[in-house]
C-alpha cells in the first residue's frame, strides 16, 4: 500500500484556524478530528499486519479474548459484552473465524438458547503469530514510548467511563 504524498501543512490545524474564524474556538473539533484520523491510520496499519493471517483487527481481538478465557471458549453474548460490540457484529466475526477454521461453535450446555465459541488449535497458532507481528510494530504506536502510551490510555479513560464502557472501582 503506497502512502499518499504528505501535505505541506497540517490540514486539521488549518481546519481549526478556519473554524475559529467562522464559529469561534472549538478545541474539541480539532481533538475529535485528530482522534478519528489516528483511528484510520492505526486501523490501516494493524489490519495490514493481520491480513496475511486472514484476519481483521476485530477478528484478532475475538481470538485474543478466547485465548484469555480459562477453557478457550466463551458464550457469544460474553464475547460481545467484552469486546463492546453489537450481537450481530459478534455473530459475523465469529462466523468468519469458524469458516477459517480458527474457531468452532457449539450449543451452550448451560444456556439452551446460547452458543459457545471456542478457539481451535489452528486459531491458537494464528493468534500467536499475529501477536508477535503486532508487538514487533508496537500496534502502530511506535512513535510513542511506553509512558506516552500510558498517558494516551489515561487521557481516553474518562471518555470511556462517561460512555458507560465500565464502572470505576
C-alpha atoms as a PDB file:
ATOM      1  CA  UNK A   1       0.000   0.000   0.000  1.00  0.00           C
ATOM      2  CA  UNK A   2       1.635   3.258  -1.074  1.00  0.00           C
ATOM      3  CA  UNK A   3       1.294   6.287   1.142  1.00  0.00           C
ATOM      4  CA  UNK A   4      -0.168   9.454  -0.344  1.00  0.00           C
ATOM      5  CA  UNK A   5       2.103  12.472  -0.656  1.00  0.00           C
ATOM      6  CA  UNK A   6       2.319  14.467   2.558  1.00  0.00           C
ATOM      7  CA  UNK A   7       0.661  17.852   2.612  1.00  0.00           C
ATOM      8  CA  UNK A   8       2.921  20.851   3.272  1.00  0.00           C
ATOM      9  CA  UNK A   9       0.650  21.821   6.218  1.00  0.00           C
ATOM     10  CA  UNK A  10      -1.441  20.154   8.915  1.00  0.00           C
ATOM     11  CA  UNK A  11      -4.991  20.036   7.485  1.00  0.00           C
ATOM     12  CA  UNK A  12      -6.524  19.579  10.936  1.00  0.00           C
ATOM     13  CA  UNK A  13      -4.686  22.634  12.320  1.00  0.00           C
ATOM     14  CA  UNK A  14      -5.805  24.576   9.239  1.00  0.00           C
ATOM     15  CA  UNK A  15      -9.406  23.458   9.733  1.00  0.00           C
ATOM     16  CA  UNK A  16      -9.149  24.545  13.377  1.00  0.00           C
ATOM     17  CA  UNK A  17      -7.960  28.026  12.335  1.00  0.00           C
ATOM     18  CA  UNK A  18     -10.786  28.373   9.803  1.00  0.00           C
ATOM     19  CA  UNK A  19     -13.319  27.037  12.295  1.00  0.00           C
ATOM     20  CA  UNK A  20     -12.251  29.593  14.889  1.00  0.00           C
ATOM     21  CA  UNK A  21     -12.598  32.433  12.394  1.00  0.00           C
ATOM     22  CA  UNK A  22     -16.087  31.326  11.377  1.00  0.00           C
ATOM     23  CA  UNK A  23     -17.642  29.929  14.551  1.00  0.00           C
ATOM     24  CA  UNK A  24     -15.226  30.655  17.374  1.00  0.00           C
ATOM     25  CA  UNK A  25     -12.915  28.401  19.389  1.00  0.00           C
ATOM     26  CA  UNK A  26     -13.835  24.709  19.494  1.00  0.00           C
ATOM     27  CA  UNK A  27     -10.822  22.726  20.748  1.00  0.00           C
ATOM     28  CA  UNK A  28     -12.998  19.600  20.772  1.00  0.00           C
ATOM     29  CA  UNK A  29     -13.369  19.800  16.966  1.00  0.00           C
ATOM     30  CA  UNK A  30      -9.611  19.592  16.383  1.00  0.00           C
ATOM     31  CA  UNK A  31      -9.310  16.882  19.038  1.00  0.00           C
ATOM     32  CA  UNK A  32     -12.067  14.672  17.596  1.00  0.00           C
ATOM     33  CA  UNK A  33     -10.763  15.126  14.066  1.00  0.00           C
ATOM     34  CA  UNK A  34      -7.269  14.115  15.229  1.00  0.00           C
ATOM     35  CA  UNK A  35      -8.637  11.083  17.079  1.00  0.00           C
ATOM     36  CA  UNK A  36     -10.647   9.962  14.056  1.00  0.00           C
ATOM     37  CA  UNK A  37      -7.623  10.365  11.763  1.00  0.00           C
ATOM     38  CA  UNK A  38      -5.437   8.477  14.236  1.00  0.00           C
ATOM     39  CA  UNK A  39      -8.048   5.709  14.241  1.00  0.00           C
ATOM     40  CA  UNK A  40      -7.894   5.494  10.436  1.00  0.00           C
ATOM     41  CA  UNK A  41      -4.097   5.377  10.464  1.00  0.00           C
ATOM     42  CA  UNK A  42      -3.836   2.769  13.223  1.00  0.00           C
ATOM     43  CA  UNK A  43      -6.583   0.538  11.867  1.00  0.00           C
ATOM     44  CA  UNK A  44      -4.958   0.574   8.432  1.00  0.00           C
ATOM     45  CA  UNK A  45      -1.536  -0.333   9.832  1.00  0.00           C
ATOM     46  CA  UNK A  46      -2.830  -3.036  12.171  1.00  0.00           C
ATOM     47  CA  UNK A  47      -5.153  -4.543   9.574  1.00  0.00           C
ATOM     48  CA  UNK A  48      -2.231  -4.719   7.114  1.00  0.00           C
ATOM     49  CA  UNK A  49      -0.280  -6.790   9.674  1.00  0.00           C
ATOM     50  CA  UNK A  50      -3.115  -9.237  10.439  1.00  0.00           C
ATOM     51  CA  UNK A  51      -4.414  -9.521   6.850  1.00  0.00           C
ATOM     52  CA  UNK A  52      -1.873 -12.224   5.852  1.00  0.00           C
ATOM     53  CA  UNK A  53      -3.410 -14.356   8.616  1.00  0.00           C
ATOM     54  CA  UNK A  54      -6.892 -13.917   7.128  1.00  0.00           C
ATOM     55  CA  UNK A  55      -7.847 -11.593   9.978  1.00  0.00           C
ATOM     56  CA  UNK A  56      -9.109  -8.103  10.603  1.00  0.00           C
ATOM     57  CA  UNK A  57      -8.333  -6.414  13.891  1.00  0.00           C
ATOM     58  CA  UNK A  58     -11.877  -7.217  15.084  1.00  0.00           C
ATOM     59  CA  UNK A  59     -11.354 -10.933  14.394  1.00  0.00           C
ATOM     60  CA  UNK A  60      -7.919 -10.781  16.009  1.00  0.00           C
ATOM     61  CA  UNK A  61      -9.470  -9.244  19.149  1.00  0.00           C
ATOM     62  CA  UNK A  62     -12.026 -12.067  19.322  1.00  0.00           C
ATOM     63  CA  UNK A  63      -9.279 -14.684  19.066  1.00  0.00           C
ATOM     64  CA  UNK A  64      -7.256 -12.969  21.789  1.00  0.00           C
ATOM     65  CA  UNK A  65     -10.319 -12.841  24.030  1.00  0.00           C
ATOM     66  CA  UNK A  66     -10.839 -16.581  23.572  1.00  0.00           C
ATOM     67  CA  UNK A  67      -7.188 -17.283  24.424  1.00  0.00           C
ATOM     68  CA  UNK A  68      -7.634 -15.291  27.652  1.00  0.00           C
ATOM     69  CA  UNK A  69     -10.572 -17.457  28.757  1.00  0.00           C
ATOM     70  CA  UNK A  70      -9.758 -20.425  31.005  1.00  0.00           C
ATOM     71  CA  UNK A  71     -11.257 -23.058  28.712  1.00  0.00           C
ATOM     72  CA  UNK A  72     -10.577 -21.254  25.432  1.00  0.00           C
ATOM     73  CA  UNK A  73     -14.280 -20.732  24.912  1.00  0.00           C
ATOM     74  CA  UNK A  74     -16.921 -18.162  25.788  1.00  0.00           C
ATOM     75  CA  UNK A  75     -20.621 -17.629  25.201  1.00  0.00           C
ATOM     76  CA  UNK A  76     -21.277 -15.404  22.200  1.00  0.00           C
ATOM     77  CA  UNK A  77     -23.046 -12.910  24.483  1.00  0.00           C
ATOM     78  CA  UNK A  78     -19.954 -12.650  26.692  1.00  0.00           C
ATOM     79  CA  UNK A  79     -17.754 -12.013  23.629  1.00  0.00           C
ATOM     80  CA  UNK A  80     -19.989  -9.113  22.597  1.00  0.00           C
ATOM     81  CA  UNK A  81     -20.006  -7.733  26.120  1.00  0.00           C
ATOM     82  CA  UNK A  82     -16.223  -7.882  26.485  1.00  0.00           C
ATOM     83  CA  UNK A  83     -15.492  -6.508  23.000  1.00  0.00           C
ATOM     84  CA  UNK A  84     -18.283  -3.935  23.440  1.00  0.00           C
ATOM     85  CA  UNK A  85     -19.925  -4.711  20.102  1.00  0.00           C
ATOM     86  CA  UNK A  86     -23.465  -5.471  18.945  1.00  0.00           C
ATOM     87  CA  UNK A  87     -24.547  -9.145  18.910  1.00  0.00           C
ATOM     88  CA  UNK A  88     -24.822  -9.060  15.100  1.00  0.00           C
ATOM     89  CA  UNK A  89     -21.181  -7.978  14.862  1.00  0.00           C
ATOM     90  CA  UNK A  90     -20.137 -10.821  17.167  1.00  0.00           C
ATOM     91  CA  UNK A  91     -22.034 -13.328  15.046  1.00  0.00           C
ATOM     92  CA  UNK A  92     -20.439 -12.040  11.828  1.00  0.00           C
ATOM     93  CA  UNK A  93     -16.958 -12.011  13.373  1.00  0.00           C
ATOM     94  CA  UNK A  94     -17.224 -15.483  14.882  1.00  0.00           C
ATOM     95  CA  UNK A  95     -18.822 -16.952  11.763  1.00  0.00           C
ATOM     96  CA  UNK A  96     -15.883 -15.716   9.682  1.00  0.00           C
ATOM     97  CA  UNK A  97     -13.471 -17.250  12.198  1.00  0.00           C
ATOM     98  CA  UNK A  98     -15.417 -20.528  12.012  1.00  0.00           C
ATOM     99  CA  UNK A  99     -15.180 -20.528   8.200  1.00  0.00           C
ATOM    100  CA  UNK A 100     -11.427 -20.005   8.530  1.00  0.00           C
ATOM    101  CA  UNK A 101     -11.120 -22.953  10.918  1.00  0.00           C
ATOM    102  CA  UNK A 102      -9.883 -20.711  13.740  1.00  0.00           C
ATOM    103  CA  UNK A 103     -12.968 -21.044  15.946  1.00  0.00           C
ATOM    104  CA  UNK A 104     -15.646 -23.690  16.491  1.00  0.00           C
ATOM    105  CA  UNK A 105     -19.215 -23.131  17.699  1.00  0.00           C
ATOM    106  CA  UNK A 106     -21.442 -25.425  19.749  1.00  0.00           C
ATOM    107  CA  UNK A 107     -24.612 -25.115  21.814  1.00  0.00           C
ATOM    108  CA  UNK A 108     -24.029 -23.810  25.322  1.00  0.00           C
ATOM    109  CA  UNK A 109     -24.923 -26.641  27.726  1.00  0.00           C
ATOM    110  CA  UNK A 110     -25.614 -24.053  30.459  1.00  0.00           C
ATOM    111  CA  UNK A 111     -27.960 -21.963  28.307  1.00  0.00           C
ATOM    112  CA  UNK A 112     -30.395 -23.725  25.991  1.00  0.00           C
ATOM    113  CA  UNK A 113     -30.564 -20.772  23.595  1.00  0.00           C
ATOM    114  CA  UNK A 114     -26.920 -19.733  23.751  1.00  0.00           C
ATOM    115  CA  UNK A 115     -23.882 -20.669  21.720  1.00  0.00           C
ATOM    116  CA  UNK A 116     -20.292 -21.150  22.796  1.00  0.00           C
ATOM    117  CA  UNK A 117     -17.388 -20.112  20.596  1.00  0.00           C
ATOM    118  CA  UNK A 118     -14.111 -21.939  21.173  1.00  0.00           C
ATOM    119  CA  UNK A 119     -10.686 -21.323  19.706  1.00  0.00           C
ATOM    120  CA  UNK A 120      -9.210 -24.174  17.684  1.00  0.00           C
ATOM    121  CA  UNK A 121      -5.580 -25.268  17.679  1.00  0.00           C
ATOM    122  CA  UNK A 122      -5.165 -23.534  14.312  1.00  0.00           C
ATOM    123  CA  UNK A 123      -6.700 -20.403  15.886  1.00  0.00           C
ATOM    124  CA  UNK A 124      -4.167 -20.539  18.724  1.00  0.00           C
ATOM    125  CA  UNK A 125      -1.298 -20.807  16.231  1.00  0.00           C
ATOM    126  CA  UNK A 126      -2.605 -17.889  14.166  1.00  0.00           C
ATOM    127  CA  UNK A 127      -3.195 -15.619  17.163  1.00  0.00           C
ATOM    128  CA  UNK A 128       0.322 -16.317  18.479  1.00  0.00           C
ATOM    129  CA  UNK A 129       1.935 -15.491  15.127  1.00  0.00           C
ATOM    130  CA  UNK A 130      -0.200 -12.377  14.559  1.00  0.00           C
ATOM    131  CA  UNK A 131       0.510 -11.188  18.098  1.00  0.00           C
ATOM    132  CA  UNK A 132       4.260 -11.440  17.549  1.00  0.00           C
ATOM    133  CA  UNK A 133       3.929  -9.333  14.386  1.00  0.00           C
ATOM    134  CA  UNK A 134       1.702  -6.744  16.082  1.00  0.00           C
ATOM    135  CA  UNK A 135       4.030  -6.466  19.056  1.00  0.00           C
ATOM    136  CA  UNK A 136       7.002  -6.058  16.707  1.00  0.00           C
ATOM    137  CA  UNK A 137       5.328  -2.958  15.225  1.00  0.00           C
ATOM    138  CA  UNK A 138       4.087  -1.717  18.623  1.00  0.00           C
ATOM    139  CA  UNK A 139       0.487  -1.969  17.417  1.00  0.00           C
ATOM    140  CA  UNK A 140       1.183   1.053  15.196  1.00  0.00           C
ATOM    141  CA  UNK A 141       2.146   3.232  18.156  1.00  0.00           C
ATOM    142  CA  UNK A 142       5.924   3.003  17.802  1.00  0.00           C
ATOM    143  CA  UNK A 143       6.063   6.803  17.590  1.00  0.00           C
ATOM    144  CA  UNK A 144       5.306   6.866  21.321  1.00  0.00           C
ATOM    145  CA  UNK A 145       7.269   5.456  24.235  1.00  0.00           C
ATOM    146  CA  UNK A 146       5.696   3.353  26.991  1.00  0.00           C
ATOM    147  CA  UNK A 147       4.999   6.350  29.222  1.00  0.00           C
ATOM    148  CA  UNK A 148       3.276   8.237  26.405  1.00  0.00           C
ATOM    149  CA  UNK A 149       1.149   5.171  25.615  1.00  0.00           C
ATOM    150  CA  UNK A 150       0.086   5.090  29.270  1.00  0.00           C
ATOM    151  CA  UNK A 151      -0.766   8.805  29.050  1.00  0.00           C
ATOM    152  CA  UNK A 152      -2.916   8.213  25.954  1.00  0.00           C
ATOM    153  CA  UNK A 153      -4.709   5.398  27.775  1.00  0.00           C
ATOM    154  CA  UNK A 154      -5.269   7.648  30.824  1.00  0.00           C
ATOM    155  CA  UNK A 155      -6.481  10.572  28.698  1.00  0.00           C
ATOM    156  CA  UNK A 156      -9.092   8.431  26.940  1.00  0.00           C
ATOM    157  CA  UNK A 157     -10.255   6.554  30.049  1.00  0.00           C
ATOM    158  CA  UNK A 158     -12.695   9.261  31.306  1.00  0.00           C
ATOM    159  CA  UNK A 159     -14.356   9.284  27.877  1.00  0.00           C
ATOM    160  CA  UNK A 160     -14.859   5.529  28.134  1.00  0.00           C
ATOM    161  CA  UNK A 161     -16.233   5.849  31.676  1.00  0.00           C
ATOM    162  CA  UNK A 162     -18.650   8.565  30.529  1.00  0.00           C
ATOM    163  CA  UNK A 163     -19.813   6.246  27.724  1.00  0.00           C
ATOM    164  CA  UNK A 164     -20.535   3.584  30.390  1.00  0.00           C
ATOM    165  CA  UNK A 165     -17.974   1.129  28.993  1.00  0.00           C
ATOM    166  CA  UNK A 166     -17.337   0.174  32.624  1.00  0.00           C
ATOM    167  CA  UNK A 167     -17.773   1.494  36.165  1.00  0.00           C
ATOM    168  CA  UNK A 168     -14.815   2.972  38.010  1.00  0.00           C
ATOM    169  CA  UNK A 169     -13.921   0.963  41.122  1.00  0.00           C
END
